[in-house]
Amino acid sequence: MDGSDKTIAERLRTARETAGLTQGQTAKLLGLHRPSISEIEAGRRKVSGDELKQFADIYGVGVAWLAGEGDAEEGPRGSRIKLAARELANLSDDDLEKLLSVIRTLKRA
């Protein structure tokens, strides 16, 4: 396995875990068998461009990040931050102020 294959395998596992999915759940979403996901994450099975796009869609990350080319904004953390921002936009001003107070407390700790 070359470096890029290893990076893809590692990032696929990281993205799946961050998305809170099991290998079995991911396999079902992709129409694959669970051992296929295990083989992919171990770097023993290559993924096609179409499969990489499907993984990216399921995990909410960028294809470029999965391929080892994208920046952190396209990875799981960036996706979670964008999701949090969308959720924050729906809070009332009072609830948002309470949350900001909690965040300030956490940063001090």
N, C-alpha and C. Protein backbone atom coordinates (compact mmCIF):
# COMPACT_ATOMS: atom_id res chain seq x y z
N MET A 1 0.86 -1.18 0.00
CA MET A 1 0.00 0.00 0.00
C MET A 1 0.90 1.23 0.00
N ASP A 2 0.66 2.15 -0.96
CA ASP A 2 1.47 3.36 -0.99
C ASP A 2 0.90 4.40 -0.02
N GLY A 3 1.59 5.52 0.11
CA GLY A 3 1.21 6.54 1.08
C GLY A 3 -0.18 7.09 0.88
N SER A 4 -0.58 7.31 -0.38
CA SER A 4 -1.90 7.87 -0.63
C SER A 4 -2.99 6.87 -0.28
N ASP A 5 -2.75 5.57 -0.56
CA ASP A 5 -3.74 4.55 -0.19
C ASP A 5 -3.90 4.48 1.33
N LYS A 6 -2.77 4.60 2.03
CA LYS A 6 -2.80 4.57 3.50
C LYS A 6 -3.57 5.79 4.03
N THR A 7 -3.33 6.94 3.45
CA THR A 7 -4.02 8.16 3.87
C THR A 7 -5.52 8.03 3.65
N ILE A 8 -5.91 7.53 2.49
CA ILE A 8 -7.34 7.35 2.20
C ILE A 8 -7.96 6.38 3.20
N ALA A 9 -7.30 5.27 3.45
CA ALA A 9 -7.82 4.27 4.40
C ALA A 9 -7.99 4.87 5.79
N GLU A 10 -6.98 5.60 6.25
CA GLU A 10 -7.03 6.21 7.58
C GLU A 10 -8.12 7.27 7.66
N ARG A 11 -8.23 8.09 6.63
CA ARG A 11 -9.23 9.15 6.65
C ARG A 11 -10.65 8.60 6.54
N LEU A 12 -10.83 7.52 5.79
CA LEU A 12 -12.14 6.88 5.73
C LEU A 12 -12.56 6.38 7.11
N ARG A 13 -11.64 5.75 7.83
CA ARG A 13 -11.95 5.25 9.18
C ARG A 13 -12.25 6.42 10.12
N THR A 14 -11.42 7.45 10.08
CA THR A 14 -11.61 8.62 10.93
C THR A 14 -12.97 9.27 10.66
N ALA A 15 -13.29 9.46 9.39
CA ALA A 15 -14.56 10.10 9.02
C ALA A 15 -15.75 9.25 9.46
N ARG A 16 -15.65 7.93 9.30
CA ARG A 16 -16.74 7.05 9.71
C ARG A 16 -16.96 7.13 11.21
N GLU A 17 -15.87 7.05 11.97
CA GLU A 17 -15.98 7.12 13.43
C GLU A 17 -16.53 8.46 13.88
N THR A 18 -16.08 9.54 13.26
CA THR A 18 -16.57 10.87 13.61
C THR A 18 -18.04 11.02 13.28
N ALA A 19 -18.47 10.37 12.20
CA ALA A 19 -19.88 10.40 11.82
C ALA A 19 -20.74 9.53 12.74
N GLY A 20 -20.08 8.74 13.59
CA GLY A 20 -20.81 7.89 14.53
C GLY A 20 -21.42 6.66 13.90
N LEU A 21 -20.81 6.20 12.83
CA LEU A 21 -21.32 5.02 12.12
C LEU A 21 -20.42 3.82 12.35
N THR A 22 -21.02 2.65 12.36
CA THR A 22 -20.25 1.41 12.42
C THR A 22 -19.90 1.00 10.99
N GLN A 23 -19.00 0.05 10.88
CA GLN A 23 -18.69 -0.47 9.55
C GLN A 23 -19.93 -1.11 8.93
N GLY A 24 -20.71 -1.79 9.73
CA GLY A 24 -21.93 -2.43 9.24
C GLY A 24 -22.94 -1.42 8.72
N GLN A 25 -23.12 -0.33 9.45
CA GLN A 25 -24.06 0.71 9.01
C GLN A 25 -23.59 1.34 7.70
N THR A 26 -22.29 1.60 7.62
CA THR A 26 -21.73 2.19 6.41
C THR A 26 -21.91 1.24 5.23
N ALA A 27 -21.62 -0.04 5.45
CA ALA A 27 -21.78 -1.02 4.39
C ALA A 27 -23.21 -1.05 3.87
N LYS A 28 -24.16 -1.02 4.79
CA LYS A 28 -25.57 -1.04 4.39
C LYS A 28 -25.92 0.18 3.54
N LEU A 29 -25.44 1.35 3.95
CA LEU A 29 -25.71 2.58 3.21
C LEU A 29 -25.12 2.53 1.80
N LEU A 30 -24.00 1.83 1.66
CA LEU A 30 -23.32 1.75 0.36
C LEU A 30 -23.71 0.52 -0.45
N GLY A 31 -24.49 -0.37 0.15
CA GLY A 31 -24.85 -1.60 -0.54
C GLY A 31 -23.70 -2.58 -0.64
N LEU A 32 -22.82 -2.56 0.36
CA LEU A 32 -21.67 -3.46 0.41
C LEU A 32 -21.79 -4.39 1.62
N HIS A 33 -20.89 -5.35 1.70
CA HIS A 33 -20.83 -6.21 2.88
C HIS A 33 -19.86 -5.57 3.88
N ARG A 34 -20.10 -5.78 5.19
CA ARG A 34 -19.25 -5.18 6.22
C ARG A 34 -17.78 -5.50 6.03
N PRO A 35 -17.41 -6.74 5.68
CA PRO A 35 -15.98 -7.01 5.48
C PRO A 35 -15.34 -6.13 4.40
N SER A 36 -16.13 -5.67 3.43
CA SER A 36 -15.58 -4.78 2.40
C SER A 36 -15.12 -3.47 3.03
N ILE A 37 -15.90 -2.94 3.97
CA ILE A 37 -15.53 -1.70 4.64
C ILE A 37 -14.25 -1.93 5.45
N SER A 38 -14.18 -3.04 6.12
CA SER A 38 -12.98 -3.39 6.90
C SER A 38 -11.76 -3.45 5.99
N GLU A 39 -11.90 -4.08 4.84
CA GLU A 39 -10.79 -4.19 3.88
C GLU A 39 -10.37 -2.82 3.36
N ILE A 40 -11.36 -1.97 3.09
CA ILE A 40 -11.06 -0.62 2.59
C ILE A 40 -10.31 0.18 3.66
N GLU A 41 -10.81 0.12 4.91
CA GLU A 41 -10.18 0.90 5.98
C GLU A 41 -8.81 0.35 6.36
N ALA A 42 -8.55 -0.91 6.05
CA ALA A 42 -7.23 -1.50 6.30
C ALA A 42 -6.28 -1.24 5.13
N GLY A 43 -6.81 -0.68 4.05
CA GLY A 43 -5.98 -0.38 2.89
C GLY A 43 -5.75 -1.58 1.99
N ARG A 44 -6.51 -2.64 2.19
CA ARG A 44 -6.33 -3.85 1.38
C ARG A 44 -7.26 -3.88 0.17
N ARG A 45 -8.18 -2.93 0.09
CA ARG A 45 -9.09 -2.83 -1.05
C ARG A 45 -9.15 -1.38 -1.47
N LYS A 46 -8.87 -1.15 -2.73
CA LYS A 46 -8.93 0.22 -3.26
C LYS A 46 -10.38 0.65 -3.44
N VAL A 47 -10.59 1.94 -3.42
CA VAL A 47 -11.93 2.48 -3.67
C VAL A 47 -11.91 3.24 -4.99
N SER A 48 -13.01 3.14 -5.70
CA SER A 48 -13.14 3.86 -6.96
C SER A 48 -13.49 5.32 -6.66
N GLY A 49 -13.40 6.14 -7.67
CA GLY A 49 -13.78 7.54 -7.51
C GLY A 49 -15.24 7.67 -7.11
N ASP A 50 -16.10 6.84 -7.70
CA ASP A 50 -17.52 6.88 -7.35
C ASP A 50 -17.74 6.49 -5.90
N GLU A 51 -17.03 5.45 -5.44
CA GLU A 51 -17.16 5.02 -4.05
C GLU A 51 -16.67 6.11 -3.11
N LEU A 52 -15.56 6.76 -3.47
CA LEU A 52 -15.02 7.83 -2.63
C LEU A 52 -16.03 8.96 -2.49
N LYS A 53 -16.72 9.28 -3.57
CA LYS A 53 -17.76 10.31 -3.54
C LYS A 53 -18.91 9.88 -2.63
N GLN A 54 -19.30 8.61 -2.69
CA GLN A 54 -20.37 8.10 -1.83
C GLN A 54 -19.96 8.17 -0.37
N PHE A 55 -18.72 7.77 -0.07
CA PHE A 55 -18.23 7.88 1.31
C PHE A 55 -18.28 9.33 1.78
N ALA A 56 -17.81 10.24 0.94
CA ALA A 56 -17.79 11.66 1.31
C ALA A 56 -19.19 12.16 1.61
N ASP A 57 -20.15 11.78 0.79
CA ASP A 57 -21.53 12.20 1.00
C ASP A 57 -22.09 11.65 2.31
N ILE A 58 -21.84 10.39 2.57
CA ILE A 58 -22.35 9.75 3.80
C ILE A 58 -21.72 10.38 5.04
N TYR A 59 -20.42 10.63 4.99
CA TYR A 59 -19.70 11.14 6.15
C TYR A 59 -19.74 12.66 6.28
N GLY A 60 -20.20 13.33 5.25
CA GLY A 60 -20.27 14.79 5.29
C GLY A 60 -18.90 15.46 5.24
N VAL A 61 -18.00 14.88 4.46
CA VAL A 61 -16.66 15.45 4.31
C VAL A 61 -16.38 15.64 2.82
N GLY A 62 -15.30 16.32 2.52
CA GLY A 62 -14.93 16.55 1.12
C GLY A 62 -14.16 15.38 0.54
N VAL A 63 -14.38 15.12 -0.75
CA VAL A 63 -13.64 14.06 -1.44
C VAL A 63 -12.15 14.36 -1.40
N ALA A 64 -11.79 15.63 -1.60
CA ALA A 64 -10.37 16.00 -1.59
C ALA A 64 -9.74 15.67 -0.25
N TRP A 65 -10.46 15.92 0.84
CA TRP A 65 -9.91 15.60 2.16
C TRP A 65 -9.71 14.10 2.30
N LEU A 66 -10.70 13.31 1.87
CA LEU A 66 -10.55 11.85 1.95
C LEU A 66 -9.33 11.38 1.14
N ALA A 67 -9.08 12.03 0.01
CA ALA A 67 -7.97 11.64 -0.85
C ALA A 67 -6.63 12.17 -0.35
N GLY A 68 -6.64 12.91 0.75
CA GLY A 68 -5.40 13.41 1.32
C GLY A 68 -4.96 14.73 0.76
N GLU A 69 -5.83 15.38 -0.01
CA GLU A 69 -5.44 16.64 -0.66
C GLU A 69 -6.12 17.86 -0.06
N GLY A 70 -7.25 17.67 0.59
CA GLY A 70 -8.01 18.80 1.10
C GLY A 70 -7.47 19.29 2.43
N ASP A 71 -7.92 20.47 2.81
CA ASP A 71 -7.52 21.01 4.10
C ASP A 71 -8.48 20.56 5.19
N ALA A 72 -8.20 20.95 6.41
CA ALA A 72 -8.99 20.53 7.56
C ALA A 72 -10.45 20.95 7.47
N GLU A 73 -10.72 22.05 6.76
CA GLU A 73 -12.10 22.52 6.61
C GLU A 73 -12.99 21.48 5.93
N GLU A 74 -12.39 20.62 5.12
CA GLU A 74 -13.15 19.61 4.38
C GLU A 74 -13.27 18.30 5.16
N GLY A 75 -12.58 18.21 6.28
CA GLY A 75 -12.59 16.98 7.07
C GLY A 75 -13.72 16.94 8.07
N PRO A 76 -13.71 15.92 8.93
CA PRO A 76 -14.79 15.75 9.90
C PRO A 76 -14.96 16.94 10.85
N ARG A 77 -13.86 17.50 11.31
CA ARG A 77 -13.95 18.64 12.23
C ARG A 77 -14.62 19.82 11.55
N GLY A 78 -14.21 20.11 10.33
CA GLY A 78 -14.81 21.21 9.60
C GLY A 78 -16.30 20.99 9.36
N SER A 79 -16.67 19.75 9.07
CA SER A 79 -18.09 19.44 8.86
C SER A 79 -18.88 19.61 10.15
N ARG A 80 -18.29 19.20 11.26
CA ARG A 80 -18.97 19.34 12.55
C ARG A 80 -19.12 20.80 12.93
N ILE A 81 -18.12 21.61 12.61
CA ILE A 81 -18.19 23.04 12.91
C ILE A 81 -19.28 23.69 12.08
N LYS A 82 -19.38 23.33 10.80
CA LYS A 82 -20.43 23.87 9.95
C LYS A 82 -21.82 23.46 10.45
N LEU A 83 -21.94 22.20 10.88
CA LEU A 83 -23.21 21.73 11.43
C LEU A 83 -23.56 22.52 12.69
N ALA A 84 -22.57 22.72 13.56
CA ALA A 84 -22.81 23.48 14.79
C ALA A 84 -23.25 24.91 14.47
N ALA A 85 -22.63 25.51 13.48
CA ALA A 85 -23.00 26.88 13.09
C ALA A 85 -24.45 26.94 12.60
N ARG A 86 -24.87 25.94 11.83
CA ARG A 86 -26.26 25.92 11.37
C ARG A 86 -27.23 25.78 12.54
N GLU A 87 -26.86 24.95 13.51
CA GLU A 87 -27.70 24.77 14.69
C GLU A 87 -27.74 26.04 15.53
N LEU A 88 -26.61 26.70 15.67
CA LEU A 88 -26.55 27.94 16.44
C LEU A 88 -27.44 29.02 15.84
N ALA A 89 -27.52 29.04 14.53
CA ALA A 89 -28.34 30.05 13.85
C ALA A 89 -29.81 29.91 14.20
N ASN A 90 -30.22 28.75 14.68
CA ASN A 90 -31.62 28.51 15.02
C ASN A 90 -31.95 28.80 16.48
N LEU A 91 -30.94 29.13 17.29
CA LEU A 91 -31.18 29.40 18.71
C LEU A 91 -31.74 30.81 18.91
N SER A 92 -32.51 30.95 19.98
CA SER A 92 -32.98 32.29 20.35
C SER A 92 -31.77 33.08 20.87
N ASP A 93 -31.89 34.39 20.92
CA ASP A 93 -30.81 35.23 21.43
C ASP A 93 -30.46 34.86 22.87
N ASP A 94 -31.47 34.58 23.68
CA ASP A 94 -31.26 34.21 25.07
C ASP A 94 -30.49 32.89 25.19
N ASP A 95 -30.92 31.90 24.41
CA ASP A 95 -30.24 30.60 24.44
C ASP A 95 -28.81 30.70 23.90
N LEU A 96 -28.62 31.52 22.88
CA LEU A 96 -27.29 31.72 22.32
C LEU A 96 -26.37 32.34 23.36
N GLU A 97 -26.86 33.31 24.11
CA GLU A 97 -26.05 33.94 25.15
C GLU A 97 -25.68 32.94 26.24
N LYS A 98 -26.62 32.08 26.62
CA LYS A 98 -26.33 31.03 27.61
C LYS A 98 -25.24 30.09 27.10
N LEU A 99 -25.35 29.71 25.84
CA LEU A 99 -24.35 28.81 25.27
C LEU A 99 -22.98 29.47 25.21
N LEU A 100 -22.94 30.73 24.83
CA LEU A 100 -21.67 31.44 24.80
C LEU A 100 -21.04 31.52 26.18
N SER A 101 -21.86 31.65 27.21
CA SER A 101 -21.36 31.65 28.58
C SER A 101 -20.74 30.30 28.93
N VAL A 102 -21.38 29.23 28.51
CA VAL A 102 -20.83 27.89 28.75
C VAL A 102 -19.51 27.72 28.01
N ILE A 103 -19.44 28.19 26.78
CA ILE A 103 -18.21 28.09 25.98
C ILE A 103 -17.08 28.85 26.66
N ARG A 104 -17.36 30.06 27.13
CA ARG A 104 -16.33 30.85 27.84
C ARG A 104 -15.84 30.11 29.07
N THR A 105 -16.75 29.47 29.79
CA THR A 105 -16.37 28.70 30.99
C THR A 105 -15.49 27.52 30.61
N LEU A 106 -15.84 26.83 29.55
CA LEU A 106 -15.04 25.69 29.09
C LEU A 106 -13.64 26.11 28.66
N LYS A 107 -13.53 27.26 28.00
CA LYS A 107 -12.24 27.74 27.54
C LYS A 107 -11.33 28.10 28.71
N ARG A 108 -11.92 28.58 29.79
CA ARG A 108 -11.14 28.94 30.98
C ARG A 108 -10.68 27.71 31.74
N ALA A 109 -11.41 26.63 31.62
CA ALA A 109 -11.09 25.41 32.40
C ALA A 109 -9.90 24.68 31.85
